[in-house]
């Protein structure tokens, strides 16, 4: 989880990198995250969605 958060922060400049990495770890404990939509949903749940703004998963996928 720490490595994942570091990657999101370093390469995607994601401000919520630790929270997203933690949520991914929790989701993976239940079942593997195998689809991009699953990852996008995790990011949206953590970061929220704002009208007119880029999708919350944009920086995560950039990383």
PDB file of N, CA and C in Angstrom:
ATOM      1  N   UNK A   1       0.830  -1.190   0.000  1.00  0.00           N
ATOM      2  CA  UNK A   1       0.000   0.000   0.000  1.00  0.00           C
ATOM      3  C   UNK A   1       0.874   1.253   0.000  1.00  0.00           C
ATOM      4  N   UNK A   2       1.952   1.241   0.772  1.00  0.00           N
ATOM      5  CA  UNK A   2       2.845   2.403   0.808  1.00  0.00           C
ATOM      6  C   UNK A   2       3.494   2.647  -0.549  1.00  0.00           C
ATOM      7  N   UNK A   3       3.908   1.571  -1.213  1.00  0.00           N
ATOM      8  CA  UNK A   3       4.522   1.717  -2.536  1.00  0.00           C
ATOM      9  C   UNK A   3       3.521   2.269  -3.545  1.00  0.00           C
ATOM     10  N   UNK A   4       2.303   1.781  -3.465  1.00  0.00           N
ATOM     11  CA  UNK A   4       1.258   2.249  -4.371  1.00  0.00           C
ATOM     12  C   UNK A   4       0.977   3.730  -4.147  1.00  0.00           C
ATOM     13  N   UNK A   5       0.875   4.138  -2.901  1.00  0.00           N
ATOM     14  CA  UNK A   5       0.644   5.552  -2.575  1.00  0.00           C
ATOM     15  C   UNK A   5       1.791   6.409  -3.090  1.00  0.00           C
ATOM     16  N   UNK A   6       3.010   5.918  -2.947  1.00  0.00           N
ATOM     17  CA  UNK A   6       4.179   6.655  -3.418  1.00  0.00           C
ATOM     18  C   UNK A   6       4.152   6.813  -4.940  1.00  0.00           C
ATOM     19  N   UNK A   7       3.749   5.779  -5.639  1.00  0.00           N
ATOM     20  CA  UNK A   7       3.655   5.847  -7.103  1.00  0.00           C
ATOM     21  C   UNK A   7       2.600   6.868  -7.516  1.00  0.00           C
ATOM     22  N   UNK A   8       1.431   6.830  -6.873  1.00  0.00           N
ATOM     23  CA  UNK A   8       0.361   7.780  -7.204  1.00  0.00           C
ATOM     24  C   UNK A   8       0.799   9.210  -6.935  1.00  0.00           C
ATOM     25  N   UNK A   9       1.552   9.408  -5.866  1.00  0.00           N
ATOM     26  CA  UNK A   9       2.008  10.760  -5.512  1.00  0.00           C
ATOM     27  C   UNK A   9       3.109  11.233  -6.465  1.00  0.00           C
ATOM     28  N   UNK A  10       4.089  10.371  -6.717  1.00  0.00           N
ATOM     29  CA  UNK A  10       5.250  10.746  -7.522  1.00  0.00           C
ATOM     30  C   UNK A  10       4.896  10.965  -8.991  1.00  0.00           C
ATOM     31  N   UNK A  11       4.171  10.033  -9.575  1.00  0.00           N
ATOM     32  CA  UNK A  11       3.921  10.085 -11.013  1.00  0.00           C
ATOM     33  C   UNK A  11       2.584  10.719 -11.393  1.00  0.00           C
ATOM     34  N   UNK A  12       1.628  10.728 -10.477  1.00  0.00           N
ATOM     35  CA  UNK A  12       0.327  11.297 -10.783  1.00  0.00           C
ATOM     36  C   UNK A  12       0.021  12.560 -10.010  1.00  0.00           C
ATOM     37  N   UNK A  13       0.895  12.902  -9.055  1.00  0.00           N
ATOM     38  CA  UNK A  13       0.690  14.067  -8.189  1.00  0.00           C
ATOM     39  C   UNK A  13      -0.705  14.052  -7.568  1.00  0.00           C
ATOM     40  N   UNK A  14      -1.142  12.853  -7.190  1.00  0.00           N
ATOM     41  CA  UNK A  14      -2.467  12.668  -6.597  1.00  0.00           C
ATOM     42  C   UNK A  14      -2.421  13.041  -5.122  1.00  0.00           C
ATOM     43  N   UNK A  15      -3.205  14.052  -4.744  1.00  0.00           N
ATOM     44  CA  UNK A  15      -3.210  14.544  -3.364  1.00  0.00           C
ATOM     45  C   UNK A  15      -3.777  13.524  -2.387  1.00  0.00           C
ATOM     46  N   UNK A  16      -4.670  12.689  -2.844  1.00  0.00           N
ATOM     47  CA  UNK A  16      -5.288  11.683  -1.976  1.00  0.00           C
ATOM     48  C   UNK A  16      -4.648  10.311  -2.180  1.00  0.00           C
ATOM     49  N   UNK A  17      -3.372  10.276  -2.490  1.00  0.00           N
ATOM     50  CA  UNK A  17      -2.690   9.032  -2.849  1.00  0.00           C
ATOM     51  C   UNK A  17      -2.772   7.975  -1.755  1.00  0.00           C
ATOM     52  N   UNK A  18      -2.588   8.363  -0.516  1.00  0.00           N
ATOM     53  CA  UNK A  18      -2.624   7.380   0.579  1.00  0.00           C
ATOM     54  C   UNK A  18      -4.026   6.800   0.765  1.00  0.00           C
ATOM     55  N   UNK A  19      -5.034   7.644   0.719  1.00  0.00           N
ATOM     56  CA  UNK A  19      -6.410   7.169   0.890  1.00  0.00           C
ATOM     57  C   UNK A  19      -6.818   6.245  -0.257  1.00  0.00           C
ATOM     58  N   UNK A  20      -6.434   6.596  -1.466  1.00  0.00           N
ATOM     59  CA  UNK A  20      -6.765   5.763  -2.625  1.00  0.00           C
ATOM     60  C   UNK A  20      -6.028   4.432  -2.539  1.00  0.00           C
ATOM     61  N   UNK A  21      -4.751   4.462  -2.194  1.00  0.00           N
ATOM     62  CA  UNK A  21      -3.972   3.229  -2.069  1.00  0.00           C
ATOM     63  C   UNK A  21      -4.560   2.332  -0.978  1.00  0.00           C
ATOM     64  N   UNK A  22      -4.960   2.923   0.134  1.00  0.00           N
ATOM     65  CA  UNK A  22      -5.568   2.159   1.227  1.00  0.00           C
ATOM     66  C   UNK A  22      -6.879   1.516   0.764  1.00  0.00           C
ATOM     67  N   UNK A  23      -7.698   2.267   0.037  1.00  0.00           N
ATOM     68  CA  UNK A  23      -8.975   1.742  -0.461  1.00  0.00           C
ATOM     69  C   UNK A  23      -8.753   0.616  -1.470  1.00  0.00           C
ATOM     70  N   UNK A  24      -7.729   0.746  -2.297  1.00  0.00           N
ATOM     71  CA  UNK A  24      -7.395  -0.320  -3.249  1.00  0.00           C
ATOM     72  C   UNK A  24      -6.975  -1.571  -2.489  1.00  0.00           C
ATOM     73  N   UNK A  25      -6.152  -1.398  -1.460  1.00  0.00           N
ATOM     74  CA  UNK A  25      -5.725  -2.533  -0.641  1.00  0.00           C
ATOM     75  C   UNK A  25      -6.899  -3.234   0.018  1.00  0.00           C
ATOM     76  N   UNK A  26      -7.844  -2.457   0.531  1.00  0.00           N
ATOM     77  CA  UNK A  26      -9.034  -3.039   1.159  1.00  0.00           C
ATOM     78  C   UNK A  26      -9.886  -3.782   0.137  1.00  0.00           C
ATOM     79  N   UNK A  27     -10.029  -3.212  -1.048  1.00  0.00           N
ATOM     80  CA  UNK A  27     -10.812  -3.866  -2.103  1.00  0.00           C
ATOM     81  C   UNK A  27     -10.133  -5.155  -2.554  1.00  0.00           C
ATOM     82  N   UNK A  28      -8.815  -5.138  -2.635  1.00  0.00           N
ATOM     83  CA  UNK A  28      -8.071  -6.329  -3.063  1.00  0.00           C
ATOM     84  C   UNK A  28      -8.134  -7.434  -2.027  1.00  0.00           C
ATOM     85  N   UNK A  29      -8.333  -7.080  -0.758  1.00  0.00           N
ATOM     86  CA  UNK A  29      -8.458  -8.095   0.289  1.00  0.00           C
ATOM     87  C   UNK A  29      -9.739  -8.908   0.100  1.00  0.00           C
ATOM     88  N   UNK A  30     -10.749  -8.290  -0.492  1.00  0.00           N
ATOM     89  CA  UNK A  30     -12.021  -8.968  -0.737  1.00  0.00           C
ATOM     90  C   UNK A  30     -11.958  -9.760  -2.040  1.00  0.00           C
ATOM     91  N   UNK A  31     -11.493  -9.090  -3.103  1.00  0.00           N
ATOM     92  CA  UNK A  31     -11.329  -9.737  -4.408  1.00  0.00           C
ATOM     93  C   UNK A  31     -10.395  -8.883  -5.252  1.00  0.00           C
ATOM     94  N   UNK A  32      -9.714  -9.479  -6.221  1.00  0.00           N
ATOM     95  CA  UNK A  32      -8.781  -8.713  -7.051  1.00  0.00           C
ATOM     96  C   UNK A  32      -9.492  -7.611  -7.843  1.00  0.00           C
ATOM     97  N   UNK A  33      -8.809  -6.496  -8.019  1.00  0.00           N
ATOM     98  CA  UNK A  33      -9.313  -5.414  -8.867  1.00  0.00           C
ATOM     99  C   UNK A  33      -8.811  -5.729 -10.271  1.00  0.00           C
ATOM    100  N   UNK A  34      -9.723  -6.173 -11.136  1.00  0.00           N
ATOM    101  CA  UNK A  34      -9.316  -6.648 -12.460  1.00  0.00           C
ATOM    102  C   UNK A  34      -9.785  -5.756 -13.601  1.00  0.00           C
ATOM    103  N   UNK A  35     -10.649  -4.799 -13.312  1.00  0.00           N
ATOM    104  CA  UNK A  35     -11.187  -3.947 -14.370  1.00  0.00           C
ATOM    105  C   UNK A  35     -10.881  -2.491 -14.071  1.00  0.00           C
ATOM    106  N   UNK A  36     -10.667  -1.735 -15.117  1.00  0.00           N
ATOM    107  CA  UNK A  36     -10.380  -0.313 -14.932  1.00  0.00           C
ATOM    108  C   UNK A  36     -11.560   0.412 -14.295  1.00  0.00           C
ATOM    109  N   UNK A  37     -12.768  -0.027 -14.593  1.00  0.00           N
ATOM    110  CA  UNK A  37     -13.951   0.602 -14.002  1.00  0.00           C
ATOM    111  C   UNK A  37     -13.978   0.411 -12.482  1.00  0.00           C
ATOM    112  N   UNK A  38     -13.510  -0.737 -12.014  1.00  0.00           N
ATOM    113  CA  UNK A  38     -13.440  -0.971 -10.564  1.00  0.00           C
ATOM    114  C   UNK A  38     -12.473   0.015  -9.918  1.00  0.00           C
ATOM    115  N   UNK A  39     -11.332   0.228 -10.545  1.00  0.00           N
ATOM    116  CA  UNK A  39     -10.353   1.182 -10.022  1.00  0.00           C
ATOM    117  C   UNK A  39     -10.913   2.601 -10.066  1.00  0.00           C
ATOM    118  N   UNK A  40     -11.573   2.947 -11.151  1.00  0.00           N
ATOM    119  CA  UNK A  40     -12.172   4.278 -11.267  1.00  0.00           C
ATOM    120  C   UNK A  40     -13.237   4.490 -10.194  1.00  0.00           C
ATOM    121  N   UNK A  41     -14.020   3.466  -9.908  1.00  0.00           N
ATOM    122  CA  UNK A  41     -15.045   3.571  -8.863  1.00  0.00           C
ATOM    123  C   UNK A  41     -14.426   3.786  -7.491  1.00  0.00           C
ATOM    124  N   UNK A  42     -13.318   3.111  -7.216  1.00  0.00           N
ATOM    125  CA  UNK A  42     -12.617   3.299  -5.943  1.00  0.00           C
ATOM    126  C   UNK A  42     -12.142   4.742  -5.826  1.00  0.00           C
ATOM    127  N   UNK A  43     -11.552   5.258  -6.881  1.00  0.00           N
ATOM    128  CA  UNK A  43     -11.061   6.644  -6.867  1.00  0.00           C
ATOM    129  C   UNK A  43     -12.202   7.635  -6.680  1.00  0.00           C
ATOM    130  N   UNK A  44     -13.318   7.395  -7.353  1.00  0.00           N
ATOM    131  CA  UNK A  44     -14.468   8.290  -7.241  1.00  0.00           C
ATOM    132  C   UNK A  44     -15.039   8.264  -5.829  1.00  0.00           C
ATOM    133  N   UNK A  45     -15.079   7.085  -5.235  1.00  0.00           N
ATOM    134  CA  UNK A  45     -15.596   6.966  -3.870  1.00  0.00           C
ATOM    135  C   UNK A  45     -14.738   7.757  -2.888  1.00  0.00           C
ATOM    136  N   UNK A  46     -13.427   7.749  -3.075  1.00  0.00           N
ATOM    137  CA  UNK A  46     -12.516   8.453  -2.172  1.00  0.00           C
ATOM    138  C   UNK A  46     -12.494   9.950  -2.469  1.00  0.00           C
ATOM    139  N   UNK A  47     -12.339  10.313  -3.725  1.00  0.00           N
ATOM    140  CA  UNK A  47     -12.143  11.717  -4.091  1.00  0.00           C
ATOM    141  C   UNK A  47     -13.445  12.467  -4.331  1.00  0.00           C
ATOM    142  N   UNK A  48     -14.518  11.751  -4.619  1.00  0.00           N
ATOM    143  CA  UNK A  48     -15.771  12.426  -4.939  1.00  0.00           C
ATOM    144  C   UNK A  48     -15.761  12.929  -6.371  1.00  0.00           C
ATOM    145  N   UNK A  49     -16.895  13.372  -6.814  1.00  0.00           N
ATOM    146  CA  UNK A  49     -17.031  13.850  -8.198  1.00  0.00           C
ATOM    147  C   UNK A  49     -17.521  15.288  -8.162  1.00  0.00           C
ATOM    148  N   UNK A  50     -16.840  16.169  -8.888  1.00  0.00           N
ATOM    149  CA  UNK A  50     -17.228  17.571  -8.936  1.00  0.00           C
ATOM    150  C   UNK A  50     -17.591  17.939 -10.368  1.00  0.00           C
ATOM    151  N   UNK A  51     -18.673  18.686 -10.511  1.00  0.00           N
ATOM    152  CA  UNK A  51     -19.111  19.107 -11.844  1.00  0.00           C
ATOM    153  C   UNK A  51     -18.047  19.966 -12.518  1.00  0.00           C
ATOM    154  N   UNK A  52     -17.782  19.683 -13.771  1.00  0.00           N
ATOM    155  CA  UNK A  52     -16.839  20.476 -14.545  1.00  0.00           C
ATOM    156  C   UNK A  52     -15.380  20.120 -14.327  1.00  0.00           C
ATOM    157  N   UNK A  53     -15.096  19.315 -13.336  1.00  0.00           N
ATOM    158  CA  UNK A  53     -13.708  18.939 -13.039  1.00  0.00           C
ATOM    159  C   UNK A  53     -13.361  17.638 -13.767  1.00  0.00           C
ATOM    160  N   UNK A  54     -12.079  17.361 -13.859  1.00  0.00           N
ATOM    161  CA  UNK A  54     -11.630  16.102 -14.454  1.00  0.00           C
ATOM    162  C   UNK A  54     -12.101  14.940 -13.578  1.00  0.00           C
ATOM    163  N   UNK A  55     -12.195  13.771 -14.167  1.00  0.00           N
ATOM    164  CA  UNK A  55     -12.623  12.586 -13.425  1.00  0.00           C
ATOM    165  C   UNK A  55     -11.643  12.333 -12.280  1.00  0.00           C
ATOM    166  N   UNK A  56     -12.134  11.929 -11.119  1.00  0.00           N
ATOM    167  CA  UNK A  56     -11.263  11.717  -9.957  1.00  0.00           C
ATOM    168  C   UNK A  56     -10.164  10.675 -10.179  1.00  0.00           C
ATOM    169  N   UNK A  57     -10.347   9.770 -11.123  1.00  0.00           N
ATOM    170  CA  UNK A  57      -9.349   8.729 -11.360  1.00  0.00           C
ATOM    171  C   UNK A  57      -8.266   9.155 -12.349  1.00  0.00           C
ATOM    172  N   UNK A  58      -8.361  10.331 -12.923  1.00  0.00           N
ATOM    173  CA  UNK A  58      -7.429  10.766 -13.961  1.00  0.00           C
ATOM    174  C   UNK A  58      -5.983  10.697 -13.498  1.00  0.00           C
ATOM    175  N   UNK A  59      -5.671  11.251 -12.361  1.00  0.00           N
ATOM    176  CA  UNK A  59      -4.282  11.271 -11.874  1.00  0.00           C
ATOM    177  C   UNK A  59      -3.795   9.877 -11.502  1.00  0.00           C
ATOM    178  N   UNK A  60      -4.691   9.053 -10.986  1.00  0.00           N
ATOM    179  CA  UNK A  60      -4.321   7.683 -10.631  1.00  0.00           C
ATOM    180  C   UNK A  60      -3.946   6.904 -11.883  1.00  0.00           C
ATOM    181  N   UNK A  61      -4.742   7.026 -12.935  1.00  0.00           N
ATOM    182  CA  UNK A  61      -4.435   6.332 -14.182  1.00  0.00           C
ATOM    183  C   UNK A  61      -3.195   6.921 -14.849  1.00  0.00           C
ATOM    184  N   UNK A  62      -2.950   8.198 -14.670  1.00  0.00           N
ATOM    185  CA  UNK A  62      -1.745   8.829 -15.210  1.00  0.00           C
ATOM    186  C   UNK A  62      -0.500   8.203 -14.591  1.00  0.00           C
ATOM    187  N   UNK A  63      -0.581   7.925 -13.301  1.00  0.00           N
ATOM    188  CA  UNK A  63       0.562   7.331 -12.597  1.00  0.00           C
ATOM    189  C   UNK A  63       0.771   5.911 -13.069  1.00  0.00           C
TER     190      UNK A  63
END
